[in-house]
């Protein structure tokens, strides 16, 4: 129920009230179903970082163990992107963990996976 409310807010003109949140929409790797999920994120340029808290109790992030397409609603706009997981020990992970920690200082980002979302360029009209 809460996810539905957050997703509705992210799609409304009130999306700014949920700063640091975005909605990921992707096709499940095993089910083939379209899944939409609100998550906390941090943005740096054309990248979003999502920390997966309590990752052992969640499965959604495993869809991105290999790079996969994802649609992202951020800042009231829908963007196409590619998501992939950065696990602890990945040499690329450190700077992205710091990016997330900048916006969410209480998050224990050393303990779980991060999902790095690379936004595709917006088309110029």
C-alpha atoms as a PDB file:
ATOM      1  CA  UNK A   1       0.000   0.000   0.000  1.00  0.00           C
ATOM      2  CA  UNK A   2       2.759   2.456   0.941  1.00  0.00           C
ATOM      3  CA  UNK A   3       4.605   1.714  -2.315  1.00  0.00           C
ATOM      4  CA  UNK A   4       1.453   2.593  -4.273  1.00  0.00           C
ATOM      5  CA  UNK A   5       1.149   5.928  -2.460  1.00  0.00           C
ATOM      6  CA  UNK A   6       4.808   6.784  -3.039  1.00  0.00           C
ATOM      7  CA  UNK A   7       4.567   5.794  -6.715  1.00  0.00           C
ATOM      8  CA  UNK A   8       1.478   7.997  -7.112  1.00  0.00           C
ATOM      9  CA  UNK A   9       3.316  10.947  -5.526  1.00  0.00           C
ATOM     10  CA  UNK A  10       6.348  10.404  -7.790  1.00  0.00           C
ATOM     11  CA  UNK A  11       3.998  10.635 -10.792  1.00  0.00           C
ATOM     12  CA  UNK A  12       2.253  13.784  -9.553  1.00  0.00           C
ATOM     13  CA  UNK A  13       3.221  17.468  -9.504  1.00  0.00           C
ATOM     14  CA  UNK A  14       4.119  16.877  -5.831  1.00  0.00           C
ATOM     15  CA  UNK A  15       7.095  14.678  -6.781  1.00  0.00           C
ATOM     16  CA  UNK A  16       9.481  17.270  -5.299  1.00  0.00           C
ATOM     17  CA  UNK A  17       8.201  16.424  -1.821  1.00  0.00           C
ATOM     18  CA  UNK A  18       9.905  13.048  -2.205  1.00  0.00           C
ATOM     19  CA  UNK A  19      13.396  14.359  -2.899  1.00  0.00           C
ATOM     20  CA  UNK A  20      15.847  11.476  -2.992  1.00  0.00           C
ATOM     21  CA  UNK A  21      13.258   9.041  -4.334  1.00  0.00           C
ATOM     22  CA  UNK A  22      12.699   7.589  -7.756  1.00  0.00           C
ATOM     23  CA  UNK A  23      10.672   4.815  -9.348  1.00  0.00           C
ATOM     24  CA  UNK A  24      12.354   1.937 -11.165  1.00  0.00           C
ATOM     25  CA  UNK A  25      10.344   0.023 -13.763  1.00  0.00           C
ATOM     26  CA  UNK A  26      11.853  -3.112 -15.250  1.00  0.00           C
ATOM     27  CA  UNK A  27      10.955  -6.555 -16.570  1.00  0.00           C
ATOM     28  CA  UNK A  28      11.514  -9.343 -14.048  1.00  0.00           C
ATOM     29  CA  UNK A  29      14.274 -11.660 -15.200  1.00  0.00           C
ATOM     30  CA  UNK A  30      12.418 -14.805 -14.151  1.00  0.00           C
ATOM     31  CA  UNK A  31       8.751 -13.813 -14.358  1.00  0.00           C
ATOM     32  CA  UNK A  32       8.863 -11.573 -17.424  1.00  0.00           C
ATOM     33  CA  UNK A  33       6.403  -9.282 -15.611  1.00  0.00           C
ATOM     34  CA  UNK A  34       6.703  -5.503 -15.550  1.00  0.00           C
ATOM     35  CA  UNK A  35       7.654  -4.357 -12.038  1.00  0.00           C
ATOM     36  CA  UNK A  36       7.554  -0.794 -10.671  1.00  0.00           C
ATOM     37  CA  UNK A  37       9.286  -0.066  -7.408  1.00  0.00           C
ATOM     38  CA  UNK A  38       9.874   3.200  -5.520  1.00  0.00           C
ATOM     39  CA  UNK A  39      13.378   3.452  -4.047  1.00  0.00           C
ATOM     40  CA  UNK A  40      15.607   5.953  -2.259  1.00  0.00           C
ATOM     41  CA  UNK A  41      18.369   7.159  -4.552  1.00  0.00           C
ATOM     42  CA  UNK A  42      21.144   9.671  -4.958  1.00  0.00           C
ATOM     43  CA  UNK A  43      21.951  11.396  -8.196  1.00  0.00           C
ATOM     44  CA  UNK A  44      25.279  12.423  -9.623  1.00  0.00           C
ATOM     45  CA  UNK A  45      25.165  13.826 -13.128  1.00  0.00           C
ATOM     46  CA  UNK A  46      23.548  11.173 -15.320  1.00  0.00           C
ATOM     47  CA  UNK A  47      23.780   8.401 -12.717  1.00  0.00           C
ATOM     48  CA  UNK A  48      21.541   7.265  -9.884  1.00  0.00           C
ATOM     49  CA  UNK A  49      22.714   5.136  -6.986  1.00  0.00           C
ATOM     50  CA  UNK A  50      20.350   2.943  -4.972  1.00  0.00           C
ATOM     51  CA  UNK A  51      21.484   1.248  -1.760  1.00  0.00           C
ATOM     52  CA  UNK A  52      19.739  -2.052  -1.089  1.00  0.00           C
ATOM     53  CA  UNK A  53      19.208  -2.150   2.678  1.00  0.00           C
ATOM     54  CA  UNK A  54      18.531  -5.607   4.154  1.00  0.00           C
ATOM     55  CA  UNK A  55      19.425  -7.100   0.771  1.00  0.00           C
ATOM     56  CA  UNK A  56      19.182 -10.665   2.087  1.00  0.00           C
ATOM     57  CA  UNK A  57      15.423 -10.130   2.524  1.00  0.00           C
ATOM     58  CA  UNK A  58      14.928  -8.616  -0.946  1.00  0.00           C
ATOM     59  CA  UNK A  59      15.189 -10.071  -4.399  1.00  0.00           C
ATOM     60  CA  UNK A  60      14.452  -7.188  -6.795  1.00  0.00           C
ATOM     61  CA  UNK A  61      18.077  -6.048  -7.033  1.00  0.00           C
ATOM     62  CA  UNK A  62      19.172  -9.438  -8.359  1.00  0.00           C
ATOM     63  CA  UNK A  63      17.510  -8.475 -11.642  1.00  0.00           C
ATOM     64  CA  UNK A  64      20.543  -6.223 -12.169  1.00  0.00           C
ATOM     65  CA  UNK A  65      23.370  -8.679 -11.473  1.00  0.00           C
ATOM     66  CA  UNK A  66      23.926  -8.372 -15.211  1.00  0.00           C
ATOM     67  CA  UNK A  67      23.365  -4.928 -16.806  1.00  0.00           C
ATOM     68  CA  UNK A  68      19.679  -4.597 -17.767  1.00  0.00           C
ATOM     69  CA  UNK A  69      17.395  -1.915 -19.153  1.00  0.00           C
ATOM     70  CA  UNK A  70      15.315  -0.008 -16.643  1.00  0.00           C
ATOM     71  CA  UNK A  71      12.952   2.931 -16.908  1.00  0.00           C
ATOM     72  CA  UNK A  72      13.346   5.532 -14.171  1.00  0.00           C
ATOM     73  CA  UNK A  73      10.949   8.240 -13.020  1.00  0.00           C
ATOM     74  CA  UNK A  74      13.086  10.912 -11.398  1.00  0.00           C
ATOM     75  CA  UNK A  75      12.356  14.603 -10.966  1.00  0.00           C
ATOM     76  CA  UNK A  76       8.903  14.082 -12.464  1.00  0.00           C
ATOM     77  CA  UNK A  77      10.336  12.769 -15.748  1.00  0.00           C
ATOM     78  CA  UNK A  78      10.580   9.289 -17.204  1.00  0.00           C
ATOM     79  CA  UNK A  79      14.074   8.318 -18.400  1.00  0.00           C
ATOM     80  CA  UNK A  80      15.495   5.195 -19.981  1.00  0.00           C
ATOM     81  CA  UNK A  81      18.580   3.728 -18.342  1.00  0.00           C
ATOM     82  CA  UNK A  82      20.689   0.670 -17.664  1.00  0.00           C
ATOM     83  CA  UNK A  83      21.021  -0.727 -14.152  1.00  0.00           C
ATOM     84  CA  UNK A  84      23.707  -2.976 -12.713  1.00  0.00           C
ATOM     85  CA  UNK A  85      24.734  -4.182  -9.264  1.00  0.00           C
ATOM     86  CA  UNK A  86      27.933  -3.167  -7.491  1.00  0.00           C
ATOM     87  CA  UNK A  87      28.713  -5.638  -4.698  1.00  0.00           C
ATOM     88  CA  UNK A  88      30.988  -5.000  -1.719  1.00  0.00           C
ATOM     89  CA  UNK A  89      34.562  -5.503  -2.879  1.00  0.00           C
ATOM     90  CA  UNK A  90      33.889  -4.167  -6.386  1.00  0.00           C
ATOM     91  CA  UNK A  91      36.616  -1.558  -7.042  1.00  0.00           C
ATOM     92  CA  UNK A  92      34.070   0.756  -8.703  1.00  0.00           C
ATOM     93  CA  UNK A  93      31.779   0.710  -5.677  1.00  0.00           C
ATOM     94  CA  UNK A  94      33.602   3.098  -3.300  1.00  0.00           C
ATOM     95  CA  UNK A  95      32.889   6.423  -5.034  1.00  0.00           C
ATOM     96  CA  UNK A  96      29.245   5.459  -5.635  1.00  0.00           C
ATOM     97  CA  UNK A  97      28.817   4.482  -1.974  1.00  0.00           C
ATOM     98  CA  UNK A  98      30.118   7.954  -1.072  1.00  0.00           C
ATOM     99  CA  UNK A  99      27.619   9.532  -3.472  1.00  0.00           C
ATOM    100  CA  UNK A 100      24.779   7.715  -1.714  1.00  0.00           C
ATOM    101  CA  UNK A 101      26.179   8.489   1.748  1.00  0.00           C
ATOM    102  CA  UNK A 102      26.306  12.216   0.856  1.00  0.00           C
ATOM    103  CA  UNK A 103      22.488  12.322   0.617  1.00  0.00           C
ATOM    104  CA  UNK A 104      21.703   9.578   3.126  1.00  0.00           C
ATOM    105  CA  UNK A 105      24.379   9.860   5.859  1.00  0.00           C
ATOM    106  CA  UNK A 106      22.781   7.288   8.181  1.00  0.00           C
ATOM    107  CA  UNK A 107      22.742   4.513   5.552  1.00  0.00           C
ATOM    108  CA  UNK A 108      25.171   1.669   6.197  1.00  0.00           C
ATOM    109  CA  UNK A 109      26.238   1.414   2.568  1.00  0.00           C
ATOM    110  CA  UNK A 110      29.292  -0.733   3.317  1.00  0.00           C
ATOM    111  CA  UNK A 111      27.098  -3.728   4.061  1.00  0.00           C
ATOM    112  CA  UNK A 112      25.014  -4.362   0.978  1.00  0.00           C
ATOM    113  CA  UNK A 113      24.796  -4.068  -2.761  1.00  0.00           C
ATOM    114  CA  UNK A 114      24.327  -0.846  -4.666  1.00  0.00           C
ATOM    115  CA  UNK A 115      22.408  -0.602  -7.908  1.00  0.00           C
ATOM    116  CA  UNK A 116      24.039   1.870 -10.263  1.00  0.00           C
ATOM    117  CA  UNK A 117      21.636   3.290 -12.852  1.00  0.00           C
ATOM    118  CA  UNK A 118      23.178   4.999 -15.875  1.00  0.00           C
ATOM    119  CA  UNK A 119      20.648   7.345 -17.459  1.00  0.00           C
ATOM    120  CA  UNK A 120      20.543   7.539 -21.233  1.00  0.00           C
ATOM    121  CA  UNK A 121      20.921  11.014 -22.743  1.00  0.00           C
ATOM    122  CA  UNK A 122      17.682  12.896 -23.168  1.00  0.00           C
ATOM    123  CA  UNK A 123      16.769  13.388 -26.829  1.00  0.00           C
ATOM    124  CA  UNK A 124      17.121  16.934 -28.114  1.00  0.00           C
ATOM    125  CA  UNK A 125      14.154  18.303 -30.074  1.00  0.00           C
END
